[in-house]
Amino acid sequence: MRFPTRSVLPGVVAAVVLASGTAACTYKNSGTESGGQAAPAARTGGGAELVDGSRTKVALVPGGAHPYFQPWKTAVTTARKTYGLGAVTFDETAEWDQQKQNNLLSTLAARGYNSFGVFGVSPTDINSTFADLRSQGFPVASLGSCPAGDKDEADFCLSTDVELAAYKASKAAIEAMGGRGTLVHLTGNNVDANTQLRIKGVARAVKETGGKVKLLQTITDIDTDLQTAQKAVSDLMAAKGDRITGIVATAYNPAVAAADAVSTSGSKAKVIAIDDDAKILSGIKQGTVTATVVQNPVGQAEVGTWALALLQTKQCTVRSPGVEVDSGSFVVTKANVSGYDKARQAKTAQLKQQFADKILSCG
């Protein structure tokens, strides 16, 4: 399973507080009431307001089924009400196949959807899909992951800076280990560009210890499903469990599997997970999981849908097409497990401000 992206605009990595400054986009109305009277505008970041989104139909399309994307469903439905959009949908193929995703996108376009937020299946091939959609006049957001390489044919990418998130996770693991010992990294598909960036993030944190922490092993290709991850972690603990001081999991299924394995085996290894699965949060509260690094799928869907509507209505354009923006990542420990979502919500508000002030040009 591929997870969120590589790059980040300078100066926005850790911000969770609303930025100040004059908005680049300002609109007075959002939709109309019966009788032609302007309805109160739906307030958005930086004062940017959608005049009339009633003809905007947004489709959010993940690469396939995965728990990470479930928050997109609620977020896009809420966005429809907030911004008065004509229609929204969340749709996914039954399996991770780029051609099947392309076919689904074509079907949605034929059904009248005219704005697309897409998590591409293939990081190397998705640009041709983005270019095709844009050639038909559809605004496109690359959500949750950016294409591999230096070019993004989508209007913008809003995704996690995965190298930074992996670095944060590793720093948390090393701190929990007391700054020394052996660390294991559990992650996703080895050929995926995002996995390679996660590996770089972990390696950077380990290098900063000056040899006090050793990276015992990096295990890839174990995020296909929970069963695959569970077997890999079980084999790892049986073979090397007594040598492991810390485990950093930068993919969803390995994180859940590691939390379960440490809990049931009685291992003293410090586990740093990813995302906020109920088992992970429960483990943090119970002390079997030290921390997790959560991402911001709700922010991706909410801000992505809002920005797509502004593009679809021609109220705004993107100043630098293909720009990549970090949607945020947050370390959650026992100390902040009950209130971490407030930081995520603040980051989402800051993202809307950033789009209004720096990403979009509205006239």
Protein backbone atom coordinates (compact mmCIF):
# COMPACT_ATOMS: atom_id res chain seq x y z
CA MET A 1 0.00 0.00 0.00
CA ARG A 2 1.43 3.40 -0.99
CA PHE A 3 1.12 6.18 1.51
CA PRO A 4 1.54 9.95 1.34
CA THR A 5 4.24 12.02 -0.26
CA ARG A 6 7.77 13.35 -0.51
CA SER A 7 8.00 17.12 -0.75
CA VAL A 8 6.87 20.03 1.28
CA LEU A 9 6.70 23.77 0.81
CA PRO A 10 9.36 25.52 2.90
CA GLY A 11 8.22 26.77 6.28
CA VAL A 12 5.11 24.65 6.70
CA VAL A 13 6.44 21.40 8.10
CA ALA A 14 5.47 21.78 11.70
CA ALA A 15 2.99 24.64 11.73
CA VAL A 16 -0.21 23.94 13.57
CA VAL A 17 -1.15 27.53 14.26
CA LEU A 18 -3.13 29.69 11.84
CA ALA A 19 -0.90 31.86 9.73
CA SER A 20 -1.64 35.56 9.62
CA GLY A 21 -1.77 37.91 6.66
CA THR A 22 -4.12 39.26 4.03
CA ALA A 23 -5.95 36.63 2.00
CA ALA A 24 -5.27 36.26 -1.69
CA CYS A 25 -8.87 35.27 -2.41
CA THR A 26 -11.99 36.98 -1.14
CA TYR A 27 -15.57 36.29 -2.16
CA LYS A 28 -18.83 37.61 -0.78
CA ASN A 29 -21.30 34.86 -1.51
CA SER A 30 -21.68 31.11 -1.55
CA GLY A 31 -24.69 29.88 -3.47
CA THR A 32 -28.09 31.57 -3.67
CA GLU A 33 -31.29 31.17 -1.77
CA SER A 34 -34.70 30.99 -3.41
CA GLY A 35 -35.72 34.32 -4.91
CA GLY A 36 -32.14 35.03 -5.98
CA GLN A 37 -30.91 36.37 -2.64
CA ALA A 38 -27.32 35.58 -1.81
CA ALA A 39 -26.90 32.99 0.93
CA PRO A 40 -24.38 33.58 3.72
CA ALA A 41 -20.93 32.57 2.55
CA ALA A 42 -19.27 29.45 3.89
CA ARG A 43 -16.20 30.88 5.59
CA THR A 44 -12.94 29.45 4.40
CA GLY A 45 -9.28 29.90 5.12
CA GLY A 46 -7.92 33.36 4.59
CA GLY A 47 -11.33 34.79 3.69
CA ALA A 48 -11.53 32.88 0.40
CA GLU A 49 -15.18 32.07 -0.20
CA LEU A 50 -16.87 30.03 -2.89
CA VAL A 51 -19.45 32.08 -4.79
CA ASP A 52 -21.49 29.20 -6.17
CA GLY A 53 -20.43 25.55 -6.00
CA SER A 54 -23.77 24.12 -7.13
CA ARG A 55 -22.32 22.93 -10.45
CA THR A 56 -19.22 21.45 -8.88
CA LYS A 57 -19.25 17.67 -8.54
CA VAL A 58 -16.23 16.27 -6.71
CA ALA A 59 -15.07 12.65 -6.76
CA LEU A 60 -12.44 11.41 -4.33
CA VAL A 61 -10.86 8.24 -5.68
CA PRO A 62 -8.28 6.24 -3.66
CA GLY A 63 -6.10 3.67 -5.37
CA GLY A 64 -7.97 0.84 -3.66
CA ALA A 65 -9.51 -0.22 -0.38
CA HIS A 66 -7.51 0.68 2.74
CA PRO A 67 -8.45 1.94 6.22
CA TYR A 68 -6.41 5.11 5.70
CA PHE A 69 -8.98 6.50 3.27
CA GLN A 70 -12.12 5.95 5.32
CA PRO A 71 -12.04 9.50 6.80
CA TRP A 72 -12.26 10.87 3.25
CA LYS A 73 -15.87 9.67 3.06
CA THR A 74 -17.12 11.76 5.93
CA ALA A 75 -14.93 14.74 5.06
CA VAL A 76 -16.15 15.05 1.48
CA THR A 77 -19.78 14.68 2.56
CA THR A 78 -19.29 17.46 5.12
CA ALA A 79 -17.59 19.62 2.48
CA ARG A 80 -20.60 19.27 0.19
CA LYS A 81 -22.85 20.79 2.86
CA THR A 82 -20.34 23.44 3.92
CA TYR A 83 -19.65 24.74 0.43
CA GLY A 84 -22.98 24.00 -1.27
CA LEU A 85 -21.51 21.62 -3.86
CA GLY A 86 -23.67 19.97 -6.48
CA ALA A 87 -22.55 16.43 -5.67
CA VAL A 88 -19.72 14.47 -4.10
CA THR A 89 -18.72 10.83 -4.10
CA PHE A 90 -16.07 8.58 -2.62
CA ASP A 91 -15.32 5.63 -4.90
CA GLU A 92 -12.60 3.02 -5.08
CA THR A 93 -11.74 -0.04 -7.10
CA ALA A 94 -11.77 -3.47 -5.50
CA GLU A 95 -8.06 -3.94 -6.13
CA TRP A 96 -4.96 -1.83 -6.64
CA ASP A 97 -4.73 -1.62 -10.42
CA GLN A 98 -3.97 1.59 -12.34
CA GLN A 99 -5.98 0.68 -15.41
CA LYS A 100 -9.02 -0.14 -13.28
CA GLN A 101 -8.65 3.19 -11.49
CA ASN A 102 -8.44 4.93 -14.88
CA ASN A 103 -11.62 3.17 -15.99
CA LEU A 104 -13.37 4.25 -12.80
CA LEU A 105 -12.34 7.86 -13.33
CA SER A 106 -13.69 7.75 -16.88
CA THR A 107 -16.97 6.33 -15.60
CA LEU A 108 -17.27 9.06 -12.97
CA ALA A 109 -16.59 11.75 -15.59
CA ALA A 110 -19.31 10.26 -17.79
CA ARG A 111 -21.68 10.50 -14.81
CA GLY A 112 -21.06 14.22 -14.56
CA TYR A 113 -18.30 14.51 -11.96
CA ASN A 114 -16.06 17.39 -12.95
CA SER A 115 -13.41 17.64 -10.21
CA PHE A 116 -11.17 14.84 -8.99
CA GLY A 117 -9.06 14.13 -5.92
CA VAL A 118 -6.99 11.04 -6.68
CA PHE A 119 -4.56 8.80 -4.83
CA GLY A 120 -2.86 7.19 -7.81
CA VAL A 121 -2.12 3.48 -7.85
CA SER A 122 1.10 3.78 -9.86
CA PRO A 123 3.46 6.61 -8.85
CA THR A 124 5.17 6.40 -12.24
CA ASP A 125 2.07 6.17 -14.46
CA ILE A 126 -0.43 8.40 -12.65
CA ASN A 127 0.83 11.57 -14.32
CA SER A 128 -0.63 10.46 -17.66
CA THR A 129 -3.98 9.98 -15.92
CA PHE A 130 -3.77 13.45 -14.38
CA ALA A 131 -2.83 14.99 -17.73
CA ASP A 132 -5.75 13.27 -19.45
CA LEU A 133 -8.25 14.55 -16.88
CA ARG A 134 -6.92 18.09 -17.07
CA SER A 135 -7.02 18.02 -20.89
CA GLN A 136 -10.77 17.50 -20.54
CA GLY A 137 -11.03 20.62 -18.42
CA PHE A 138 -11.26 18.89 -15.04
CA PRO A 139 -9.30 20.23 -12.05
CA VAL A 140 -7.31 17.45 -10.39
CA ALA A 141 -5.73 17.13 -6.96
CA SER A 142 -3.20 14.45 -6.13
CA LEU A 143 -4.29 13.59 -2.59
CA GLY A 144 -2.42 11.43 -0.10
CA SER A 145 0.51 10.78 -2.43
CA CYS A 146 2.38 12.63 -5.18
CA PRO A 147 3.72 11.09 -8.39
CA ALA A 148 7.27 9.77 -8.46
CA GLY A 149 9.89 12.02 -10.00
CA ASP A 150 10.10 15.78 -10.21
CA LYS A 151 6.90 16.53 -12.12
CA ASP A 152 3.26 16.44 -11.02
CA GLU A 153 0.61 16.83 -13.74
CA ALA A 154 -2.13 17.40 -11.16
CA ASP A 155 -3.05 20.98 -10.27
CA PHE A 156 -1.60 20.40 -6.81
CA CYS A 157 -0.58 17.64 -4.42
CA LEU A 158 -1.71 17.64 -0.79
CA SER A 159 -0.09 14.79 1.09
CA THR A 160 2.06 13.77 4.01
CA ASP A 161 5.77 14.43 3.73
CA VAL A 162 6.53 10.76 4.34
CA GLU A 163 10.28 11.17 4.82
CA LEU A 164 9.66 13.75 7.54
CA ALA A 165 6.98 11.57 9.17
CA ALA A 166 9.34 8.57 9.24
CA TYR A 167 12.08 10.77 10.69
CA LYS A 168 9.73 11.98 13.45
CA ALA A 169 8.72 8.39 14.21
CA SER A 170 12.35 7.26 14.41
CA LYS A 171 13.34 10.16 16.66
CA ALA A 172 10.47 9.23 18.99
CA ALA A 173 11.61 5.58 19.00
CA ILE A 174 15.23 6.51 19.71
CA GLU A 175 14.21 8.78 22.57
CA ALA A 176 12.05 5.98 24.06
CA MET A 177 15.02 3.60 23.73
CA GLY A 178 17.14 5.92 25.83
CA GLY A 179 19.22 6.93 22.84
CA ARG A 180 20.88 3.56 22.26
CA GLY A 181 20.13 0.00 21.15
CA THR A 182 18.86 -1.77 18.05
CA LEU A 183 15.99 -0.56 15.90
CA VAL A 184 13.88 -2.43 13.34
CA HIS A 185 11.95 -0.66 10.57
CA LEU A 186 8.73 -2.24 9.24
CA THR A 187 7.33 -0.72 6.07
CA GLY A 188 5.53 -1.19 2.73
CA ASN A 189 6.30 -2.00 -0.90
CA ASN A 190 10.03 -1.79 -1.57
CA VAL A 191 9.63 -0.53 -5.15
CA ASP A 192 7.39 2.31 -4.06
CA ALA A 193 9.09 5.72 -4.07
CA ASN A 194 7.36 6.57 -0.79
CA THR A 195 8.85 3.50 0.92
CA GLN A 196 12.31 4.59 -0.17
CA LEU A 197 11.69 8.03 1.32
CA ARG A 198 10.57 6.46 4.59
CA ILE A 199 13.75 4.38 4.63
CA LYS A 200 15.74 7.61 4.17
CA GLY A 201 13.90 9.27 7.05
CA VAL A 202 14.65 6.39 9.41
CA ALA A 203 18.29 6.23 8.30
CA ARG A 204 18.74 9.96 8.93
CA ALA A 205 17.50 9.66 12.51
CA VAL A 206 19.72 6.63 13.17
CA LYS A 207 22.77 8.38 11.70
CA GLU A 208 22.25 11.32 14.03
CA THR A 209 22.87 9.03 17.03
CA GLY A 210 26.53 8.68 16.02
CA GLY A 211 26.45 4.89 16.19
CA LYS A 212 24.61 4.57 19.50
CA VAL A 213 21.59 3.14 17.68
CA LYS A 214 21.98 0.37 15.12
CA LEU A 215 19.39 -0.31 12.43
CA LEU A 216 19.13 -4.07 12.83
CA GLN A 217 16.81 -4.68 9.86
CA THR A 218 14.39 -3.00 7.45
CA ILE A 219 11.53 -5.27 6.44
CA THR A 220 9.60 -4.21 3.34
CA ASP A 221 6.64 -5.57 1.36
CA ILE A 222 4.51 -6.43 4.43
CA ASP A 223 1.62 -3.95 4.11
CA THR A 224 -0.44 -5.99 1.67
CA ASP A 225 -2.82 -7.08 4.43
CA LEU A 226 -2.79 -7.65 8.17
CA GLN A 227 -2.10 -11.39 7.86
CA THR A 228 1.06 -10.78 5.85
CA ALA A 229 2.25 -8.24 8.40
CA GLN A 230 1.44 -10.49 11.35
CA LYS A 231 3.46 -13.40 9.91
CA ALA A 232 6.44 -11.16 9.18
CA VAL A 233 6.43 -9.66 12.67
CA SER A 234 5.93 -13.06 14.29
CA ASP A 235 8.93 -14.44 12.39
CA LEU A 236 10.98 -11.39 13.32
CA MET A 237 10.22 -11.70 17.03
CA ALA A 238 10.95 -15.43 17.02
CA ALA A 239 14.33 -14.95 15.35
CA LYS A 240 15.58 -11.66 16.79
CA GLY A 241 13.12 -10.55 19.47
CA ASP A 242 15.68 -10.59 22.27
CA ARG A 243 17.94 -8.22 20.32
CA ILE A 244 15.30 -5.61 19.46
CA THR A 245 15.14 -2.44 21.53
CA GLY A 246 12.76 -0.50 19.31
CA ILE A 247 10.38 -1.00 16.38
CA VAL A 248 9.32 1.80 14.05
CA ALA A 249 6.47 0.91 11.70
CA THR A 250 5.85 3.33 8.84
CA ALA A 251 2.98 1.43 7.21
CA TYR A 252 -0.46 0.70 8.59
CA ASN A 253 -0.68 -3.11 8.78
CA PRO A 254 2.86 -3.61 10.14
CA ALA A 255 2.09 -1.05 12.84
CA VAL A 256 -0.98 -2.95 14.02
CA ALA A 257 0.90 -6.27 13.82
CA ALA A 258 3.85 -4.91 15.83
CA ALA A 259 1.55 -3.54 18.53
CA ASP A 260 -0.17 -6.92 18.84
CA ALA A 261 3.10 -8.87 18.87
CA VAL A 262 4.73 -6.80 21.60
CA SER A 263 1.58 -6.89 23.70
CA THR A 264 1.19 -10.67 23.53
CA SER A 265 4.88 -11.61 23.74
CA GLY A 266 5.78 -9.45 26.69
CA SER A 267 8.64 -7.91 24.72
CA LYS A 268 10.09 -4.71 26.14
CA ALA A 269 10.70 -3.28 22.66
CA LYS A 270 9.47 0.27 22.21
CA VAL A 271 6.91 0.43 19.38
CA ILE A 272 6.35 3.57 17.34
CA ALA A 273 3.42 3.11 14.97
CA ILE A 274 1.70 5.09 12.22
CA ASP A 275 -1.87 6.41 12.10
CA ASP A 276 -4.59 6.18 14.70
CA ASP A 277 -6.08 2.74 14.43
CA ALA A 278 -8.12 1.91 17.55
CA LYS A 279 -5.65 -0.85 18.51
CA ILE A 280 -2.76 1.59 18.27
CA LEU A 281 -4.45 4.22 20.42
CA SER A 282 -5.48 1.56 22.94
CA GLY A 283 -1.89 0.33 23.06
CA ILE A 284 -0.63 3.86 23.77
CA LYS A 285 -3.07 4.22 26.65
CA GLN A 286 -2.07 0.81 28.04
CA GLY A 287 1.64 1.40 27.54
CA THR A 288 2.33 -1.38 25.00
CA VAL A 289 2.78 1.19 22.21
CA THR A 290 5.05 4.12 22.97
CA ALA A 291 3.82 6.52 20.30
CA THR A 292 2.34 6.83 16.85
CA VAL A 293 2.70 9.35 14.07
CA VAL A 294 -0.72 10.28 12.77
CA GLN A 295 -1.41 11.82 9.39
CA ASN A 296 -4.17 14.13 8.21
CA PRO A 297 -6.52 12.37 5.78
CA VAL A 298 -9.47 14.54 6.85
CA GLY A 299 -7.48 17.67 6.04
CA GLN A 300 -6.48 16.25 2.66
CA ALA A 301 -10.11 15.60 1.74
CA GLU A 302 -11.54 18.80 3.21
CA VAL A 303 -8.97 21.27 1.88
CA GLY A 304 -8.59 19.34 -1.37
CA THR A 305 -12.33 19.42 -2.07
CA TRP A 306 -12.57 23.12 -1.23
CA ALA A 307 -9.63 24.02 -3.48
CA LEU A 308 -10.97 21.87 -6.33
CA ALA A 309 -14.29 23.72 -6.15
CA LEU A 310 -12.52 27.09 -6.39
CA LEU A 311 -10.63 25.82 -9.45
CA GLN A 312 -13.68 24.24 -11.08
CA THR A 313 -15.70 27.46 -10.81
CA LYS A 314 -12.79 29.40 -12.34
CA GLN A 315 -12.67 31.70 -9.34
CA CYS A 316 -9.04 30.71 -8.76
CA THR A 317 -6.05 29.24 -10.50
CA VAL A 318 -2.98 27.56 -9.02
CA ARG A 319 0.01 29.89 -8.98
CA SER A 320 2.52 27.08 -9.54
CA PRO A 321 0.73 24.04 -11.06
CA GLY A 322 1.93 20.78 -9.58
CA VAL A 323 2.89 22.37 -6.26
CA GLU A 324 3.31 19.91 -3.38
CA VAL A 325 2.08 20.73 0.12
CA ASP A 326 2.63 18.77 3.33
CA SER A 327 -0.74 17.97 4.94
CA GLY A 328 0.95 17.39 8.30
CA SER A 329 2.09 14.61 10.64
CA PHE A 330 1.88 14.54 14.42
CA VAL A 331 3.59 12.50 17.13
CA VAL A 332 1.02 11.10 19.59
CA THR A 333 2.07 9.77 22.98
CA LYS A 334 0.29 8.91 26.20
CA ALA A 335 0.56 12.57 27.18
CA ASN A 336 -1.50 13.88 24.27
CA VAL A 337 -3.47 10.84 23.06
CA SER A 338 -6.75 12.34 24.26
CA GLY A 339 -6.39 15.69 22.52
CA TYR A 340 -4.09 15.27 19.53
CA ASP A 341 -6.89 15.83 17.04
CA LYS A 342 -6.99 19.51 18.01
CA ALA A 343 -3.52 19.92 16.52
CA ARG A 344 -4.71 18.19 13.35
CA GLN A 345 -7.71 20.49 13.10
CA ALA A 346 -5.47 23.51 13.58
CA LYS A 347 -3.19 22.24 10.81
CA THR A 348 -6.17 21.86 8.48
CA ALA A 349 -7.20 25.46 9.19
CA GLN A 350 -3.63 26.57 8.56
CA LEU A 351 -3.59 24.67 5.25
CA LYS A 352 -6.68 26.56 4.06
CA GLN A 353 -4.97 29.83 5.00
CA GLN A 354 -1.87 28.74 3.12
CA PHE A 355 -3.84 27.83 0.00
CA ALA A 356 -5.65 31.16 0.07
CA ASP A 357 -2.49 33.21 0.66
CA LYS A 358 0.17 31.34 -1.31
CA ILE A 359 -1.11 28.47 -3.45
CA LEU A 360 -4.14 29.94 -5.22
CA SER A 361 -4.51 33.10 -7.24
CA CYS A 362 -8.08 34.37 -7.12
CA GLY A 363 -9.48 37.36 -8.97
